[in-house]
Amino acid sequence: MSVWLAFGLIVGGLVVVAVAILITDIARGDVGGGRHTMERARRLLVVATDAETSRGAERWIAEQRAEHPDRQFFLLDDSQGEELFLAVSDAIEREKPDAVVVARHDDENHAMLSGLYGALKEDATVPVDAIYVGAEAPA
């Protein structure tokens, strides 16, 4: 066997292993976010912008705590605007969450990246997802 053939087989084997690892990582959601990112998050920053989204966020946190008692949740409840984006950025730096969840109104376009949600999706250093809350009857 020639040296070049042995070298080619070694390089080929390494490429096959690298591709297999990449496929496994993509399937688990480790590459480019993915649907499993939020499932693996242990520290979540939940952002609400008004009373309605705050109630929805608190209800969602309670449900998540019942299902996942090992997760930590931080609720940031503030009014909409540039100050909120800065407050979220500060909270990401301070609390080091694995992901951010933005509580949005159910009537907002789910596919549109607008407002705080859109800005965080584009600029945040952690994965960002949304929950949608509707109008509930006052308690």
N, C-alpha and C. Protein backbone atom coordinates (compact mmCIF):
# COMPACT_ATOMS: atom_id res chain seq x y z
N MET A 1 0.85 -1.16 0.00
CA MET A 1 0.00 0.00 0.00
C MET A 1 0.90 1.23 0.00
N SER A 2 0.53 2.18 -0.83
CA SER A 2 1.36 3.38 -0.91
C SER A 2 1.04 4.33 0.25
N VAL A 3 1.97 5.21 0.49
CA VAL A 3 1.80 6.20 1.57
C VAL A 3 0.63 7.12 1.26
N TRP A 4 0.47 7.51 -0.01
CA TRP A 4 -0.61 8.42 -0.39
C TRP A 4 -1.97 7.77 -0.23
N LEU A 5 -2.08 6.50 -0.53
CA LEU A 5 -3.34 5.79 -0.35
C LEU A 5 -3.70 5.71 1.12
N ALA A 6 -2.73 5.40 1.98
CA ALA A 6 -2.97 5.35 3.43
C ALA A 6 -3.37 6.73 3.95
N PHE A 7 -2.67 7.75 3.48
CA PHE A 7 -3.00 9.11 3.90
C PHE A 7 -4.43 9.49 3.45
N GLY A 8 -4.79 9.12 2.24
CA GLY A 8 -6.14 9.39 1.72
C GLY A 8 -7.20 8.68 2.52
N LEU A 9 -6.96 7.44 2.91
CA LEU A 9 -7.92 6.69 3.72
C LEU A 9 -8.10 7.31 5.10
N ILE A 10 -7.02 7.78 5.68
CA ILE A 10 -7.10 8.43 7.00
C ILE A 10 -7.91 9.72 6.90
N VAL A 11 -7.60 10.55 5.92
CA VAL A 11 -8.33 11.81 5.73
C VAL A 11 -9.80 11.52 5.43
N GLY A 12 -10.05 10.56 4.59
CA GLY A 12 -11.44 10.18 4.28
C GLY A 12 -12.19 9.72 5.51
N GLY A 13 -11.55 8.92 6.35
CA GLY A 13 -12.17 8.47 7.58
C GLY A 13 -12.49 9.62 8.52
N LEU A 14 -11.57 10.58 8.62
CA LEU A 14 -11.81 11.74 9.47
C LEU A 14 -12.97 12.59 8.96
N VAL A 15 -13.08 12.72 7.65
CA VAL A 15 -14.19 13.47 7.06
C VAL A 15 -15.51 12.78 7.36
N VAL A 16 -15.56 11.48 7.25
CA VAL A 16 -16.79 10.72 7.54
C VAL A 16 -17.18 10.92 9.01
N VAL A 17 -16.23 10.86 9.92
CA VAL A 17 -16.52 11.06 11.34
C VAL A 17 -17.02 12.48 11.58
N ALA A 18 -16.38 13.46 10.96
CA ALA A 18 -16.79 14.86 11.13
C ALA A 18 -18.22 15.08 10.62
N VAL A 19 -18.56 14.51 9.48
CA VAL A 19 -19.91 14.64 8.94
C VAL A 19 -20.92 13.96 9.86
N ALA A 20 -20.58 12.81 10.40
CA ALA A 20 -21.48 12.11 11.32
C ALA A 20 -21.73 12.95 12.58
N ILE A 21 -20.70 13.57 13.10
CA ILE A 21 -20.85 14.42 14.29
C ILE A 21 -21.71 15.63 13.95
N LEU A 22 -21.49 16.24 12.80
CA LEU A 22 -22.29 17.39 12.38
C LEU A 22 -23.76 17.02 12.24
N ILE A 23 -24.04 15.91 11.62
CA ILE A 23 -25.43 15.46 11.46
C ILE A 23 -26.08 15.22 12.82
N THR A 24 -25.36 14.62 13.74
CA THR A 24 -25.88 14.39 15.09
C THR A 24 -26.16 15.70 15.80
N ASP A 25 -25.26 16.67 15.70
CA ASP A 25 -25.46 17.97 16.33
C ASP A 25 -26.66 18.70 15.74
N ILE A 26 -26.83 18.66 14.44
CA ILE A 26 -27.97 19.31 13.80
C ILE A 26 -29.26 18.64 14.24
N ALA A 27 -29.27 17.32 14.30
CA ALA A 27 -30.47 16.59 14.72
C ALA A 27 -30.87 16.92 16.15
N ARG A 28 -29.88 17.15 17.02
CA ARG A 28 -30.16 17.50 18.41
C ARG A 28 -30.48 18.98 18.57
N GLY A 29 -30.25 19.78 17.55
CA GLY A 29 -30.53 21.21 17.63
C GLY A 29 -29.37 22.02 18.17
N ASP A 30 -28.17 21.46 18.19
CA ASP A 30 -27.02 22.18 18.71
C ASP A 30 -26.45 23.19 17.73
N VAL A 31 -26.80 23.10 16.48
CA VAL A 31 -26.26 24.00 15.47
C VAL A 31 -27.37 24.92 14.99
N GLY A 32 -27.12 26.23 15.09
CA GLY A 32 -28.08 27.20 14.57
C GLY A 32 -29.36 27.29 15.36
N GLY A 33 -29.33 27.08 16.65
CA GLY A 33 -30.54 27.17 17.46
C GLY A 33 -31.32 25.88 17.34
N GLY A 34 -32.42 25.91 16.63
CA GLY A 34 -33.21 24.71 16.43
C GLY A 34 -34.29 24.58 17.47
N ARG A 35 -35.19 23.64 17.24
CA ARG A 35 -36.34 23.50 18.12
C ARG A 35 -35.99 22.95 19.48
N HIS A 36 -34.83 22.35 19.63
CA HIS A 36 -34.46 21.77 20.92
C HIS A 36 -33.75 22.75 21.84
N THR A 37 -33.43 23.93 21.34
CA THR A 37 -32.69 24.90 22.15
C THR A 37 -33.46 25.25 23.41
N MET A 38 -34.73 25.56 23.28
CA MET A 38 -35.53 25.96 24.44
C MET A 38 -35.75 24.78 25.39
N GLU A 39 -35.79 23.58 24.86
CA GLU A 39 -35.96 22.40 25.71
C GLU A 39 -34.74 22.18 26.61
N ARG A 40 -33.56 22.56 26.13
CA ARG A 40 -32.34 22.36 26.90
C ARG A 40 -32.04 23.52 27.83
N ALA A 41 -32.69 24.65 27.65
CA ALA A 41 -32.41 25.84 28.46
C ALA A 41 -32.77 25.56 29.93
N ARG A 42 -31.92 25.97 30.82
CA ARG A 42 -32.15 25.80 32.25
C ARG A 42 -32.43 27.12 32.95
N ARG A 43 -31.96 28.21 32.36
CA ARG A 43 -32.18 29.56 32.92
C ARG A 43 -32.85 30.39 31.82
N LEU A 44 -34.09 30.82 32.08
CA LEU A 44 -34.83 31.55 31.07
C LEU A 44 -35.21 32.93 31.58
N LEU A 45 -34.99 33.92 30.75
CA LEU A 45 -35.43 35.28 31.02
C LEU A 45 -36.72 35.48 30.25
N VAL A 46 -37.81 35.77 30.97
CA VAL A 46 -39.12 35.97 30.36
C VAL A 46 -39.43 37.46 30.41
N VAL A 47 -39.78 38.04 29.27
CA VAL A 47 -40.00 39.48 29.16
C VAL A 47 -41.47 39.75 28.84
N ALA A 48 -42.08 40.62 29.64
CA ALA A 48 -43.46 41.05 29.43
C ALA A 48 -43.48 42.56 29.28
N THR A 49 -44.42 43.06 28.47
CA THR A 49 -44.43 44.49 28.16
C THR A 49 -45.62 45.25 28.74
N ASP A 50 -46.62 44.56 29.24
CA ASP A 50 -47.78 45.22 29.84
C ASP A 50 -48.48 44.25 30.79
N ALA A 51 -49.60 44.68 31.35
CA ALA A 51 -50.29 43.85 32.35
C ALA A 51 -50.77 42.52 31.76
N GLU A 52 -51.28 42.55 30.54
CA GLU A 52 -51.79 41.33 29.92
C GLU A 52 -50.67 40.32 29.65
N THR A 53 -49.58 40.78 29.06
CA THR A 53 -48.48 39.86 28.79
C THR A 53 -47.81 39.42 30.08
N SER A 54 -47.84 40.26 31.10
CA SER A 54 -47.27 39.88 32.39
C SER A 54 -48.06 38.74 33.02
N ARG A 55 -49.40 38.84 32.98
CA ARG A 55 -50.24 37.76 33.51
C ARG A 55 -50.01 36.47 32.72
N GLY A 56 -49.94 36.59 31.39
CA GLY A 56 -49.68 35.41 30.57
C GLY A 56 -48.31 34.81 30.84
N ALA A 57 -47.32 35.66 31.04
CA ALA A 57 -45.97 35.17 31.33
C ALA A 57 -45.92 34.47 32.68
N GLU A 58 -46.57 35.06 33.69
CA GLU A 58 -46.59 34.42 35.01
C GLU A 58 -47.28 33.07 34.96
N ARG A 59 -48.38 32.98 34.20
CA ARG A 59 -49.09 31.70 34.06
C ARG A 59 -48.20 30.68 33.34
N TRP A 60 -47.50 31.11 32.29
CA TRP A 60 -46.62 30.22 31.54
C TRP A 60 -45.47 29.74 32.43
N ILE A 61 -44.90 30.65 33.22
CA ILE A 61 -43.82 30.28 34.14
C ILE A 61 -44.30 29.24 35.14
N ALA A 62 -45.50 29.44 35.67
CA ALA A 62 -46.05 28.47 36.63
C ALA A 62 -46.21 27.09 35.99
N GLU A 63 -46.70 27.05 34.76
CA GLU A 63 -46.84 25.78 34.05
C GLU A 63 -45.48 25.13 33.81
N GLN A 64 -44.51 25.94 33.40
CA GLN A 64 -43.17 25.41 33.14
C GLN A 64 -42.50 24.89 34.41
N ARG A 65 -42.70 25.60 35.51
CA ARG A 65 -42.11 25.15 36.78
C ARG A 65 -42.71 23.82 37.21
N ALA A 66 -44.00 23.61 36.94
CA ALA A 66 -44.64 22.33 37.28
C ALA A 66 -44.05 21.20 36.44
N GLU A 67 -43.80 21.47 35.16
CA GLU A 67 -43.26 20.45 34.26
C GLU A 67 -41.75 20.28 34.40
N HIS A 68 -41.05 21.38 34.70
CA HIS A 68 -39.58 21.37 34.75
C HIS A 68 -39.11 22.07 36.02
N PRO A 69 -39.15 21.41 37.15
CA PRO A 69 -38.78 22.08 38.41
C PRO A 69 -37.30 22.47 38.49
N ASP A 70 -36.48 21.94 37.61
CA ASP A 70 -35.05 22.26 37.64
C ASP A 70 -34.71 23.56 36.91
N ARG A 71 -35.67 24.17 36.22
CA ARG A 71 -35.42 25.40 35.48
C ARG A 71 -35.55 26.62 36.38
N GLN A 72 -34.78 27.65 36.04
CA GLN A 72 -34.87 28.94 36.73
C GLN A 72 -35.49 29.94 35.77
N PHE A 73 -36.39 30.78 36.29
CA PHE A 73 -37.06 31.79 35.48
C PHE A 73 -36.84 33.16 36.09
N PHE A 74 -36.60 34.13 35.23
CA PHE A 74 -36.46 35.52 35.64
C PHE A 74 -37.47 36.31 34.82
N LEU A 75 -38.38 37.01 35.48
CA LEU A 75 -39.40 37.78 34.79
C LEU A 75 -39.00 39.25 34.79
N LEU A 76 -38.94 39.83 33.60
CA LEU A 76 -38.68 41.25 33.44
C LEU A 76 -39.95 41.86 32.88
N ASP A 77 -40.60 42.69 33.68
CA ASP A 77 -41.88 43.29 33.31
C ASP A 77 -41.68 44.79 33.24
N ASP A 78 -41.80 45.34 32.04
CA ASP A 78 -41.54 46.76 31.85
C ASP A 78 -42.34 47.25 30.65
N SER A 79 -42.41 48.54 30.47
CA SER A 79 -43.13 49.10 29.34
C SER A 79 -42.29 48.99 28.07
N GLN A 80 -42.97 49.05 26.94
CA GLN A 80 -42.31 48.92 25.65
C GLN A 80 -41.42 50.12 25.38
N GLY A 81 -40.39 49.95 24.61
CA GLY A 81 -39.56 51.06 24.21
C GLY A 81 -38.09 50.71 24.21
N GLU A 82 -37.27 51.68 23.87
CA GLU A 82 -35.82 51.51 23.82
C GLU A 82 -35.27 51.12 25.18
N GLU A 83 -35.85 51.67 26.25
CA GLU A 83 -35.37 51.35 27.59
C GLU A 83 -35.54 49.87 27.91
N LEU A 84 -36.63 49.28 27.41
CA LEU A 84 -36.85 47.85 27.67
C LEU A 84 -35.80 47.00 26.97
N PHE A 85 -35.45 47.35 25.73
CA PHE A 85 -34.41 46.60 25.02
C PHE A 85 -33.10 46.67 25.80
N LEU A 86 -32.77 47.85 26.30
CA LEU A 86 -31.55 48.00 27.09
C LEU A 86 -31.64 47.23 28.40
N ALA A 87 -32.82 47.23 29.03
CA ALA A 87 -33.01 46.48 30.27
C ALA A 87 -32.85 44.97 30.02
N VAL A 88 -33.37 44.49 28.90
CA VAL A 88 -33.22 43.07 28.56
C VAL A 88 -31.75 42.75 28.31
N SER A 89 -31.06 43.62 27.59
CA SER A 89 -29.63 43.40 27.34
C SER A 89 -28.84 43.36 28.65
N ASP A 90 -29.16 44.27 29.57
CA ASP A 90 -28.51 44.27 30.88
C ASP A 90 -28.82 42.99 31.66
N ALA A 91 -30.09 42.54 31.60
CA ALA A 91 -30.47 41.32 32.30
C ALA A 91 -29.77 40.10 31.72
N ILE A 92 -29.56 40.09 30.41
CA ILE A 92 -28.83 38.97 29.78
C ILE A 92 -27.40 38.95 30.29
N GLU A 93 -26.79 40.11 30.37
CA GLU A 93 -25.41 40.19 30.89
C GLU A 93 -25.33 39.79 32.36
N ARG A 94 -26.29 40.24 33.15
CA ARG A 94 -26.26 40.03 34.59
C ARG A 94 -26.67 38.61 34.99
N GLU A 95 -27.79 38.13 34.45
CA GLU A 95 -28.36 36.85 34.87
C GLU A 95 -27.82 35.66 34.08
N LYS A 96 -27.23 35.90 32.93
CA LYS A 96 -26.67 34.85 32.07
C LYS A 96 -27.69 33.75 31.75
N PRO A 97 -28.87 34.13 31.20
CA PRO A 97 -29.86 33.09 30.86
C PRO A 97 -29.41 32.29 29.65
N ASP A 98 -29.95 31.08 29.53
CA ASP A 98 -29.68 30.25 28.36
C ASP A 98 -30.53 30.69 27.17
N ALA A 99 -31.67 31.35 27.45
CA ALA A 99 -32.57 31.79 26.39
C ALA A 99 -33.48 32.89 26.93
N VAL A 100 -34.10 33.62 26.00
CA VAL A 100 -35.06 34.66 26.34
C VAL A 100 -36.40 34.28 25.73
N VAL A 101 -37.47 34.47 26.49
CA VAL A 101 -38.82 34.24 26.01
C VAL A 101 -39.58 35.56 26.12
N VAL A 102 -40.12 36.03 25.00
CA VAL A 102 -40.87 37.28 24.98
C VAL A 102 -42.35 36.94 24.95
N ALA A 103 -43.11 37.49 25.90
CA ALA A 103 -44.56 37.31 25.91
C ALA A 103 -45.16 38.34 24.96
N ARG A 104 -45.88 37.87 23.96
CA ARG A 104 -46.49 38.74 22.95
C ARG A 104 -48.00 38.56 22.98
N HIS A 105 -48.71 39.56 22.48
CA HIS A 105 -50.17 39.47 22.37
C HIS A 105 -50.53 38.48 21.28
N ASP A 106 -51.59 37.72 21.51
CA ASP A 106 -52.00 36.68 20.57
C ASP A 106 -52.38 37.26 19.21
N ASP A 107 -52.84 38.50 19.17
CA ASP A 107 -53.24 39.09 17.90
C ASP A 107 -52.06 39.63 17.09
N GLU A 108 -50.84 39.58 17.64
CA GLU A 108 -49.66 39.98 16.88
C GLU A 108 -49.34 38.90 15.85
N ASN A 109 -48.80 39.33 14.73
CA ASN A 109 -48.43 38.40 13.67
C ASN A 109 -47.31 37.48 14.17
N HIS A 110 -47.56 36.19 14.18
CA HIS A 110 -46.61 35.22 14.71
C HIS A 110 -45.36 35.09 13.83
N ALA A 111 -45.48 35.38 12.56
CA ALA A 111 -44.35 35.22 11.65
C ALA A 111 -43.53 36.50 11.52
N MET A 112 -44.07 37.60 11.97
CA MET A 112 -43.40 38.89 11.77
C MET A 112 -42.44 39.18 12.93
N LEU A 113 -41.23 39.53 12.59
CA LEU A 113 -40.23 39.90 13.59
C LEU A 113 -40.30 41.41 13.79
N SER A 114 -41.16 41.83 14.72
CA SER A 114 -41.34 43.26 14.95
C SER A 114 -41.15 43.59 16.42
N GLY A 115 -40.97 44.87 16.68
CA GLY A 115 -40.87 45.36 18.05
C GLY A 115 -39.70 44.75 18.80
N LEU A 116 -39.90 44.59 20.10
CA LEU A 116 -38.86 44.05 20.97
C LEU A 116 -38.46 42.64 20.54
N TYR A 117 -39.44 41.81 20.19
CA TYR A 117 -39.16 40.44 19.78
C TYR A 117 -38.23 40.41 18.57
N GLY A 118 -38.54 41.21 17.56
CA GLY A 118 -37.70 41.25 16.36
C GLY A 118 -36.30 41.75 16.65
N ALA A 119 -36.21 42.79 17.49
CA ALA A 119 -34.89 43.34 17.83
C ALA A 119 -34.05 42.31 18.58
N LEU A 120 -34.68 41.58 19.50
CA LEU A 120 -33.94 40.57 20.26
C LEU A 120 -33.55 39.40 19.37
N LYS A 121 -34.43 38.99 18.46
CA LYS A 121 -34.10 37.89 17.55
C LYS A 121 -32.86 38.22 16.72
N GLU A 122 -32.73 39.49 16.36
CA GLU A 122 -31.60 39.89 15.53
C GLU A 122 -30.34 40.17 16.33
N ASP A 123 -30.47 40.71 17.55
CA ASP A 123 -29.30 41.22 18.26
C ASP A 123 -28.91 40.46 19.52
N ALA A 124 -29.79 39.64 20.06
CA ALA A 124 -29.47 38.97 21.33
C ALA A 124 -28.38 37.93 21.14
N THR A 125 -27.61 37.72 22.18
CA THR A 125 -26.52 36.74 22.15
C THR A 125 -26.98 35.36 22.58
N VAL A 126 -28.25 35.23 22.94
CA VAL A 126 -28.83 33.95 23.34
C VAL A 126 -30.07 33.69 22.47
N PRO A 127 -30.52 32.44 22.38
CA PRO A 127 -31.73 32.16 21.59
C PRO A 127 -32.94 32.92 22.15
N VAL A 128 -33.82 33.35 21.26
CA VAL A 128 -35.02 34.09 21.63
C VAL A 128 -36.23 33.38 21.06
N ASP A 129 -37.25 33.20 21.88
CA ASP A 129 -38.50 32.60 21.44
C ASP A 129 -39.64 33.44 21.97
N ALA A 130 -40.86 33.11 21.61
CA ALA A 130 -42.02 33.89 22.05
C ALA A 130 -43.12 32.96 22.52
N ILE A 131 -43.91 33.48 23.47
CA ILE A 131 -45.17 32.86 23.82
C ILE A 131 -46.24 33.88 23.49
N TYR A 132 -47.42 33.42 23.15
CA TYR A 132 -48.50 34.31 22.77
C TYR A 132 -49.62 34.18 23.77
N VAL A 133 -50.04 35.32 24.30
CA VAL A 133 -51.08 35.33 25.32
C VAL A 133 -52.27 36.11 24.79
N GLY A 134 -53.48 35.64 25.11
CA GLY A 134 -54.69 36.31 24.70
C GLY A 134 -55.32 37.06 25.84
N ALA A 135 -56.38 37.76 25.54
CA ALA A 135 -57.09 38.53 26.55
C ALA A 135 -57.86 37.56 27.46
N GLU A 136 -57.63 37.68 28.74
CA GLU A 136 -58.33 36.85 29.70
C GLU A 136 -59.32 37.72 30.49
N ALA A 137 -60.33 37.08 31.01
CA ALA A 137 -61.28 37.79 31.86
C ALA A 137 -60.59 38.18 33.15
N PRO A 138 -60.87 39.37 33.70
CA PRO A 138 -60.23 39.77 34.95
C PRO A 138 -60.60 38.83 36.08
N ALA A 139 -59.63 38.58 36.93
CA ALA A 139 -59.85 37.64 38.04
C ALA A 139 -60.53 38.32 39.20
